[in-house]
N, C-alpha and C. Protein backbone atom coordinates (compact mmCIF):
# COMPACT_ATOMS: atom_id res chain seq x y z
N MET A 1 172.75 63.27 63.48
CA MET A 1 172.97 64.48 64.25
C MET A 1 171.73 64.77 65.11
N ALA A 2 171.97 65.07 66.35
CA ALA A 2 170.87 65.32 67.27
C ALA A 2 170.27 66.70 67.01
N TYR A 3 169.02 66.79 67.22
CA TYR A 3 168.29 68.03 67.03
C TYR A 3 168.54 68.95 68.23
N LEU A 4 168.87 70.21 67.94
CA LEU A 4 169.06 71.19 69.00
C LEU A 4 167.78 71.97 69.19
N ASP A 5 167.25 71.93 70.39
CA ASP A 5 166.06 72.74 70.65
C ASP A 5 166.48 74.09 71.24
N SER A 6 165.51 74.97 71.40
CA SER A 6 165.82 76.32 71.88
C SER A 6 166.38 76.29 73.30
N ASN A 7 165.98 75.33 74.11
CA ASN A 7 166.51 75.22 75.46
C ASN A 7 168.01 74.91 75.45
N GLN A 8 168.42 74.01 74.58
CA GLN A 8 169.85 73.69 74.49
C GLN A 8 170.65 74.88 73.96
N LEU A 9 170.11 75.59 72.99
CA LEU A 9 170.80 76.78 72.48
C LEU A 9 170.92 77.84 73.57
N GLN A 10 169.90 77.96 74.40
CA GLN A 10 169.93 78.89 75.53
C GLN A 10 171.06 78.50 76.49
N ILE A 11 171.18 77.23 76.76
CA ILE A 11 172.23 76.75 77.66
C ILE A 11 173.61 77.01 77.05
N PHE A 12 173.76 76.78 75.76
CA PHE A 12 175.04 77.07 75.10
C PHE A 12 175.40 78.54 75.26
N PHE A 13 174.42 79.42 75.08
CA PHE A 13 174.65 80.85 75.25
C PHE A 13 175.08 81.15 76.68
N GLN A 14 174.39 80.56 77.65
CA GLN A 14 174.72 80.80 79.05
C GLN A 14 176.16 80.37 79.37
N LEU A 15 176.55 79.21 78.88
CA LEU A 15 177.90 78.72 79.15
C LEU A 15 178.95 79.60 78.47
N PHE A 16 178.65 80.05 77.26
CA PHE A 16 179.57 80.93 76.54
C PHE A 16 179.71 82.27 77.27
N LEU A 17 178.59 82.83 77.72
CA LEU A 17 178.63 84.09 78.47
C LEU A 17 179.43 83.91 79.77
N ALA A 18 179.22 82.80 80.45
CA ALA A 18 179.97 82.54 81.68
C ALA A 18 181.47 82.47 81.40
N ALA A 19 181.85 81.83 80.31
CA ALA A 19 183.27 81.74 79.94
C ALA A 19 183.84 83.13 79.67
N LEU A 20 183.10 83.96 78.98
CA LEU A 20 183.57 85.32 78.69
C LEU A 20 183.72 86.15 79.96
N LEU A 21 182.72 86.11 80.82
CA LEU A 21 182.78 86.91 82.04
C LEU A 21 183.88 86.42 82.98
N GLY A 22 183.99 85.12 83.16
CA GLY A 22 185.06 84.59 84.00
C GLY A 22 186.43 84.89 83.43
N GLY A 23 186.57 84.73 82.12
CA GLY A 23 187.85 85.02 81.47
C GLY A 23 188.24 86.47 81.59
N ALA A 24 187.26 87.37 81.53
CA ALA A 24 187.55 88.80 81.66
C ALA A 24 188.11 89.13 83.04
N ILE A 25 187.54 88.53 84.06
CA ILE A 25 188.06 88.76 85.42
C ILE A 25 189.45 88.13 85.55
N GLY A 26 189.61 86.94 85.01
CA GLY A 26 190.90 86.25 85.08
C GLY A 26 192.00 86.95 84.31
N PHE A 27 191.63 87.74 83.30
CA PHE A 27 192.62 88.47 82.51
C PHE A 27 193.46 89.37 83.40
N GLU A 28 192.82 90.11 84.28
CA GLU A 28 193.55 91.01 85.16
C GLU A 28 194.48 90.23 86.08
N ARG A 29 194.02 89.12 86.61
CA ARG A 29 194.85 88.32 87.51
C ARG A 29 196.10 87.81 86.80
N LYS A 30 195.93 87.35 85.58
CA LYS A 30 197.07 86.84 84.82
C LYS A 30 197.99 87.99 84.42
N TYR A 31 197.40 89.13 84.09
CA TYR A 31 198.18 90.30 83.66
C TYR A 31 199.14 90.76 84.76
N VAL A 32 198.71 90.65 86.01
CA VAL A 32 199.58 91.07 87.12
C VAL A 32 200.42 89.91 87.66
N GLY A 33 200.40 88.77 86.96
CA GLY A 33 201.30 87.67 87.29
C GLY A 33 200.81 86.71 88.35
N ARG A 34 199.53 86.64 88.58
CA ARG A 34 198.99 85.69 89.55
C ARG A 34 198.82 84.32 88.90
N PRO A 35 198.91 83.24 89.68
CA PRO A 35 198.85 81.90 89.08
C PRO A 35 197.49 81.55 88.48
N ALA A 36 196.40 82.00 89.09
CA ALA A 36 195.07 81.72 88.54
C ALA A 36 194.75 82.83 87.55
N GLY A 37 194.53 82.45 86.29
CA GLY A 37 194.30 83.46 85.27
C GLY A 37 193.01 83.23 84.51
N MET A 38 193.03 83.58 83.24
CA MET A 38 191.83 83.54 82.41
C MET A 38 191.20 82.16 82.35
N ARG A 39 192.01 81.14 82.15
CA ARG A 39 191.46 79.79 82.02
C ARG A 39 190.80 79.34 83.32
N THR A 40 191.49 79.57 84.44
CA THR A 40 190.95 79.15 85.73
C THR A 40 189.63 79.85 86.03
N TYR A 41 189.62 81.16 85.86
CA TYR A 41 188.41 81.92 86.15
C TYR A 41 187.28 81.54 85.20
N ALA A 42 187.60 81.36 83.92
CA ALA A 42 186.56 80.96 82.95
C ALA A 42 185.99 79.59 83.32
N LEU A 43 186.85 78.65 83.68
CA LEU A 43 186.38 77.31 84.04
C LEU A 43 185.52 77.33 85.30
N VAL A 44 185.92 78.11 86.29
CA VAL A 44 185.11 78.21 87.51
C VAL A 44 183.74 78.80 87.19
N CYS A 45 183.72 79.83 86.37
CA CYS A 45 182.46 80.48 86.02
C CYS A 45 181.56 79.55 85.20
N VAL A 46 182.13 78.86 84.23
CA VAL A 46 181.36 77.90 83.42
C VAL A 46 180.87 76.75 84.29
N GLY A 47 181.73 76.23 85.16
CA GLY A 47 181.33 75.14 86.04
C GLY A 47 180.19 75.53 86.96
N ALA A 48 180.28 76.71 87.55
CA ALA A 48 179.21 77.17 88.43
C ALA A 48 177.91 77.38 87.66
N ALA A 49 178.02 77.93 86.45
CA ALA A 49 176.83 78.12 85.61
C ALA A 49 176.21 76.77 85.26
N LEU A 50 177.04 75.82 84.87
CA LEU A 50 176.52 74.51 84.47
C LEU A 50 175.86 73.79 85.64
N PHE A 51 176.50 73.81 86.81
CA PHE A 51 175.87 73.18 87.98
C PHE A 51 174.53 73.85 88.30
N THR A 52 174.48 75.16 88.17
CA THR A 52 173.23 75.87 88.44
C THR A 52 172.16 75.51 87.41
N ILE A 53 172.55 75.47 86.14
CA ILE A 53 171.60 75.09 85.08
C ILE A 53 171.10 73.67 85.32
N LEU A 54 172.02 72.77 85.62
CA LEU A 54 171.62 71.38 85.88
C LEU A 54 170.66 71.28 87.05
N SER A 55 170.92 72.06 88.10
CA SER A 55 170.03 71.98 89.26
C SER A 55 168.65 72.51 88.94
N THR A 56 168.56 73.59 88.17
CA THR A 56 167.24 74.13 87.83
C THR A 56 166.52 73.24 86.82
N GLN A 57 167.26 72.68 85.87
CA GLN A 57 166.64 71.79 84.88
C GLN A 57 166.16 70.50 85.54
N ALA A 58 166.97 69.96 86.44
CA ALA A 58 166.58 68.73 87.13
C ALA A 58 165.36 68.99 88.01
N PHE A 59 165.34 70.15 88.65
CA PHE A 59 164.19 70.50 89.48
C PHE A 59 162.92 70.54 88.64
N ALA A 60 163.02 71.13 87.45
CA ALA A 60 161.86 71.21 86.56
C ALA A 60 161.39 69.81 86.15
N LYS A 61 162.33 68.90 85.94
CA LYS A 61 161.96 67.54 85.54
C LYS A 61 161.29 66.77 86.67
N PHE A 62 161.68 67.06 87.89
CA PHE A 62 161.19 66.28 89.02
C PHE A 62 160.10 66.99 89.83
N THR A 63 159.55 68.08 89.31
CA THR A 63 158.52 68.79 90.07
C THR A 63 157.25 67.98 90.22
N ALA A 64 157.04 67.02 89.34
CA ALA A 64 155.86 66.16 89.48
C ALA A 64 155.96 65.30 90.74
N GLN A 65 157.18 65.14 91.24
CA GLN A 65 157.40 64.34 92.44
C GLN A 65 158.01 65.24 93.52
N PRO A 66 157.19 66.01 94.23
CA PRO A 66 157.74 66.91 95.24
C PRO A 66 158.52 66.15 96.31
N ASN A 67 159.41 66.85 96.94
CA ASN A 67 160.26 66.33 98.00
C ASN A 67 161.33 65.36 97.50
N ASN A 68 161.47 65.21 96.20
CA ASN A 68 162.51 64.33 95.67
C ASN A 68 163.78 65.09 95.32
N PHE A 69 163.67 66.41 95.13
CA PHE A 69 164.83 67.15 94.64
C PHE A 69 164.81 68.57 95.18
N ASP A 70 165.94 69.02 95.66
CA ASP A 70 166.07 70.39 96.16
C ASP A 70 167.18 71.08 95.37
N PRO A 71 166.84 72.02 94.47
CA PRO A 71 167.87 72.64 93.64
C PRO A 71 168.86 73.49 94.43
N SER A 72 168.49 73.93 95.62
CA SER A 72 169.41 74.75 96.39
C SER A 72 170.60 73.94 96.92
N ARG A 73 170.47 72.63 96.99
CA ARG A 73 171.59 71.80 97.46
C ARG A 73 172.80 71.92 96.55
N ILE A 74 172.56 71.89 95.25
CA ILE A 74 173.68 71.99 94.31
C ILE A 74 174.32 73.36 94.43
N ALA A 75 173.50 74.40 94.48
CA ALA A 75 174.03 75.77 94.58
C ALA A 75 174.86 75.94 95.85
N SER A 76 174.37 75.45 96.96
CA SER A 76 175.12 75.60 98.21
C SER A 76 176.43 74.83 98.17
N ASN A 77 176.44 73.71 97.50
CA ASN A 77 177.68 72.94 97.41
C ASN A 77 178.68 73.56 96.44
N VAL A 78 178.21 74.29 95.45
CA VAL A 78 179.13 75.04 94.58
C VAL A 78 179.86 76.08 95.42
N VAL A 79 179.13 76.78 96.26
CA VAL A 79 179.73 77.81 97.12
C VAL A 79 180.77 77.18 98.05
N VAL A 80 180.44 76.07 98.66
CA VAL A 80 181.37 75.39 99.57
C VAL A 80 182.59 74.88 98.81
N GLY A 81 182.37 74.26 97.66
CA GLY A 81 183.48 73.73 96.87
C GLY A 81 184.46 74.80 96.44
N ILE A 82 183.95 75.93 95.99
CA ILE A 82 184.83 77.03 95.58
C ILE A 82 185.53 77.60 96.81
N GLY A 83 184.86 77.59 97.95
CA GLY A 83 185.50 78.03 99.18
C GLY A 83 186.72 77.18 99.52
N PHE A 84 186.62 75.87 99.31
CA PHE A 84 187.78 75.00 99.55
C PHE A 84 188.90 75.28 98.56
N ILE A 85 188.56 75.50 97.31
CA ILE A 85 189.59 75.85 96.32
C ILE A 85 190.25 77.16 96.73
N GLY A 86 189.45 78.13 97.11
CA GLY A 86 189.99 79.42 97.53
C GLY A 86 190.89 79.29 98.75
N ALA A 87 190.51 78.46 99.69
CA ALA A 87 191.34 78.26 100.88
C ALA A 87 192.70 77.70 100.51
N GLY A 88 192.73 76.86 99.49
CA GLY A 88 194.01 76.32 99.04
C GLY A 88 194.90 77.34 98.36
N LEU A 89 194.32 78.43 97.91
CA LEU A 89 195.10 79.48 97.26
C LEU A 89 195.73 80.46 98.24
N ILE A 90 195.23 80.49 99.46
CA ILE A 90 195.72 81.44 100.45
C ILE A 90 196.92 80.82 101.17
N VAL A 91 198.04 81.53 101.13
CA VAL A 91 199.27 81.04 101.76
C VAL A 91 199.89 82.14 102.60
N PHE A 92 200.64 81.71 103.61
CA PHE A 92 201.41 82.63 104.45
C PHE A 92 202.86 82.46 104.06
N ARG A 93 203.44 83.51 103.50
CA ARG A 93 204.80 83.42 102.99
C ARG A 93 205.61 84.65 103.43
N MET A 94 206.71 84.40 104.08
CA MET A 94 207.64 85.45 104.49
C MET A 94 206.92 86.57 105.25
N GLY A 95 206.07 86.18 106.19
CA GLY A 95 205.39 87.16 107.02
C GLY A 95 204.21 87.86 106.37
N ARG A 96 203.82 87.40 105.19
CA ARG A 96 202.71 88.04 104.47
C ARG A 96 201.68 86.99 104.07
N ILE A 97 200.44 87.41 104.05
CA ILE A 97 199.37 86.55 103.56
C ILE A 97 199.17 86.86 102.09
N GLU A 98 199.21 85.83 101.25
CA GLU A 98 199.05 86.01 99.81
C GLU A 98 197.90 85.15 99.30
N GLY A 99 197.29 85.59 98.23
CA GLY A 99 196.25 84.82 97.57
C GLY A 99 194.83 85.18 97.97
N LEU A 100 194.66 86.14 98.87
CA LEU A 100 193.31 86.49 99.31
C LEU A 100 192.46 87.05 98.16
N THR A 101 193.05 87.95 97.38
CA THR A 101 192.29 88.54 96.27
C THR A 101 191.94 87.49 95.23
N THR A 102 192.88 86.61 94.93
CA THR A 102 192.61 85.55 93.97
C THR A 102 191.50 84.63 94.48
N ALA A 103 191.57 84.26 95.75
CA ALA A 103 190.53 83.39 96.33
C ALA A 103 189.17 84.08 96.32
N ALA A 104 189.14 85.34 96.72
CA ALA A 104 187.87 86.08 96.71
C ALA A 104 187.35 86.26 95.29
N GLY A 105 188.27 86.49 94.36
CA GLY A 105 187.88 86.64 92.96
C GLY A 105 187.27 85.36 92.40
N LEU A 106 187.85 84.22 92.73
CA LEU A 106 187.28 82.94 92.27
C LEU A 106 185.91 82.70 92.89
N TRP A 107 185.78 83.04 94.15
CA TRP A 107 184.50 82.87 94.83
C TRP A 107 183.42 83.73 94.17
N LEU A 108 183.76 84.99 93.90
CA LEU A 108 182.82 85.88 93.21
C LEU A 108 182.54 85.40 91.79
N THR A 109 183.56 84.88 91.12
CA THR A 109 183.37 84.38 89.76
C THR A 109 182.39 83.21 89.74
N ALA A 110 182.43 82.37 90.76
CA ALA A 110 181.45 81.28 90.86
C ALA A 110 180.05 81.85 91.04
N ALA A 111 179.92 82.90 91.84
CA ALA A 111 178.61 83.53 92.02
C ALA A 111 178.11 84.14 90.71
N ILE A 112 179.02 84.72 89.94
CA ILE A 112 178.65 85.27 88.63
C ILE A 112 178.17 84.14 87.72
N GLY A 113 178.88 83.03 87.72
CA GLY A 113 178.45 81.88 86.94
C GLY A 113 177.08 81.38 87.35
N MET A 114 176.82 81.38 88.65
CA MET A 114 175.51 80.96 89.13
C MET A 114 174.43 81.94 88.67
N ALA A 115 174.75 83.23 88.66
CA ALA A 115 173.79 84.24 88.18
C ALA A 115 173.48 84.02 86.70
N VAL A 116 174.51 83.69 85.92
CA VAL A 116 174.29 83.37 84.51
C VAL A 116 173.40 82.13 84.41
N GLY A 117 173.65 81.16 85.27
CA GLY A 117 172.89 79.91 85.24
C GLY A 117 171.40 80.09 85.49
N VAL A 118 171.03 81.12 86.25
CA VAL A 118 169.61 81.39 86.49
C VAL A 118 169.10 82.54 85.62
N LYS A 119 169.87 82.87 84.59
CA LYS A 119 169.50 83.87 83.57
C LYS A 119 169.42 85.29 84.10
N PHE A 120 170.20 85.62 85.11
CA PHE A 120 170.32 86.99 85.58
C PHE A 120 171.46 87.65 84.81
N TYR A 121 171.25 87.87 83.54
CA TYR A 121 172.33 88.31 82.65
C TYR A 121 172.85 89.70 83.01
N LEU A 122 171.97 90.67 83.21
CA LEU A 122 172.44 92.02 83.53
C LEU A 122 173.16 92.05 84.87
N VAL A 123 172.64 91.32 85.83
CA VAL A 123 173.29 91.25 87.14
C VAL A 123 174.67 90.63 87.00
N SER A 124 174.78 89.56 86.24
CA SER A 124 176.08 88.88 86.10
C SER A 124 177.08 89.76 85.35
N ILE A 125 176.63 90.47 84.32
CA ILE A 125 177.53 91.36 83.58
C ILE A 125 177.97 92.52 84.48
N PHE A 126 177.03 93.10 85.22
CA PHE A 126 177.38 94.19 86.13
C PHE A 126 178.35 93.70 87.21
N ALA A 127 178.10 92.53 87.77
CA ALA A 127 178.99 91.99 88.81
C ALA A 127 180.38 91.73 88.25
N ALA A 128 180.48 91.24 87.02
CA ALA A 128 181.79 91.00 86.41
C ALA A 128 182.53 92.32 86.18
N LEU A 129 181.82 93.32 85.69
CA LEU A 129 182.45 94.64 85.50
C LEU A 129 182.89 95.22 86.84
N LEU A 130 182.05 95.08 87.85
CA LEU A 130 182.40 95.58 89.18
C LEU A 130 183.60 94.83 89.74
N ALA A 131 183.64 93.53 89.56
CA ALA A 131 184.79 92.74 90.03
C ALA A 131 186.06 93.18 89.33
N PHE A 132 186.00 93.35 88.02
CA PHE A 132 187.18 93.80 87.26
C PHE A 132 187.63 95.17 87.76
N PHE A 133 186.68 96.06 88.00
CA PHE A 133 186.99 97.40 88.51
C PHE A 133 187.65 97.32 89.88
N VAL A 134 187.05 96.56 90.78
CA VAL A 134 187.59 96.45 92.15
C VAL A 134 188.99 95.85 92.12
N ILE A 135 189.17 94.77 91.39
CA ILE A 135 190.47 94.10 91.36
C ILE A 135 191.54 95.00 90.74
N SER A 136 191.23 95.63 89.63
CA SER A 136 192.26 96.41 88.93
C SER A 136 192.43 97.81 89.52
N ILE A 137 191.36 98.57 89.67
CA ILE A 137 191.48 99.96 90.13
C ILE A 137 191.84 100.01 91.61
N PHE A 138 191.17 99.24 92.44
CA PHE A 138 191.52 99.24 93.85
C PHE A 138 192.94 98.73 94.06
N GLY A 139 193.34 97.75 93.28
CA GLY A 139 194.71 97.25 93.35
C GLY A 139 195.72 98.34 93.03
N TRP A 140 195.41 99.14 92.03
CA TRP A 140 196.29 100.25 91.66
C TRP A 140 196.36 101.27 92.80
N PHE A 141 195.21 101.61 93.40
CA PHE A 141 195.20 102.54 94.53
C PHE A 141 196.02 101.99 95.69
N GLU A 142 195.90 100.71 95.97
CA GLU A 142 196.69 100.12 97.05
C GLU A 142 198.18 100.22 96.76
N ASP A 143 198.56 99.94 95.52
CA ASP A 143 199.98 99.99 95.15
C ASP A 143 200.53 101.41 95.21
N VAL A 144 199.75 102.37 94.76
CA VAL A 144 200.23 103.75 94.65
C VAL A 144 200.08 104.51 95.96
N LEU A 145 198.97 104.36 96.65
CA LEU A 145 198.70 105.18 97.82
C LEU A 145 199.02 104.51 99.15
N ILE A 146 198.74 103.24 99.27
CA ILE A 146 198.88 102.58 100.57
C ILE A 146 200.24 101.94 100.75
N SER A 147 200.72 101.22 99.76
CA SER A 147 202.01 100.52 99.89
C SER A 147 203.17 101.45 100.25
N PRO A 148 203.30 102.63 99.61
CA PRO A 148 204.40 103.52 100.02
C PRO A 148 204.30 103.95 101.48
N ARG A 149 203.10 104.14 101.99
CA ARG A 149 202.93 104.53 103.40
C ARG A 149 203.32 103.38 104.31
N GLU A 150 202.97 102.14 103.93
CA GLU A 150 203.33 100.98 104.74
C GLU A 150 204.84 100.81 104.79
N GLU A 151 205.50 100.99 103.64
CA GLU A 151 206.96 100.87 103.60
C GLU A 151 207.62 101.94 104.45
N LYS A 152 207.08 103.16 104.40
CA LYS A 152 207.63 104.27 105.18
C LYS A 152 207.48 103.97 106.67
N THR A 153 206.33 103.45 107.08
CA THR A 153 206.09 103.11 108.48
C THR A 153 207.04 102.01 108.94
N GLN A 154 207.27 101.00 108.12
CA GLN A 154 208.17 99.91 108.48
C GLN A 154 209.61 100.40 108.59
N ASN A 155 210.02 101.32 107.73
CA ASN A 155 211.38 101.85 107.77
C ASN A 155 211.61 102.71 109.00
N GLU A 156 210.58 103.36 109.52
CA GLU A 156 210.71 104.21 110.69
C GLU A 156 210.83 103.41 111.97
N GLU A 157 210.35 102.17 111.96
CA GLU A 157 210.37 101.34 113.18
C GLU A 157 211.71 100.83 113.43
């Protein structure tokens, strides 16, 4: 059995926290019947955290050889990669654009995972709570206050 050092235990904690935060955001999406749910959001958050951890750990290993490694490259590619996934979620169906909130939520979830990866725990927890609030409460306001007005306007035309 391999020996676990404190650094590895720290990484395990980070990945577990990322899974919890991503899953919490994905819970709301699944609850309202969206295709990307808890598992998807948790995996995106864990993946972003792991890529961030790997980039910072690799940078620390290669600091003796400057100009050999740039940790920001991995982070920037996580953002681009999640952007492509998000773009695939956005569809135009029956005169409506769908999937924008899910795509934006996944993009933010990746950022939360990256924050966990650099040990910004309070920031990542606050961002996850804020994301959950925006997705659920703002969604409710849109359904209750804005949607009836849009339907009324369309019926008058």
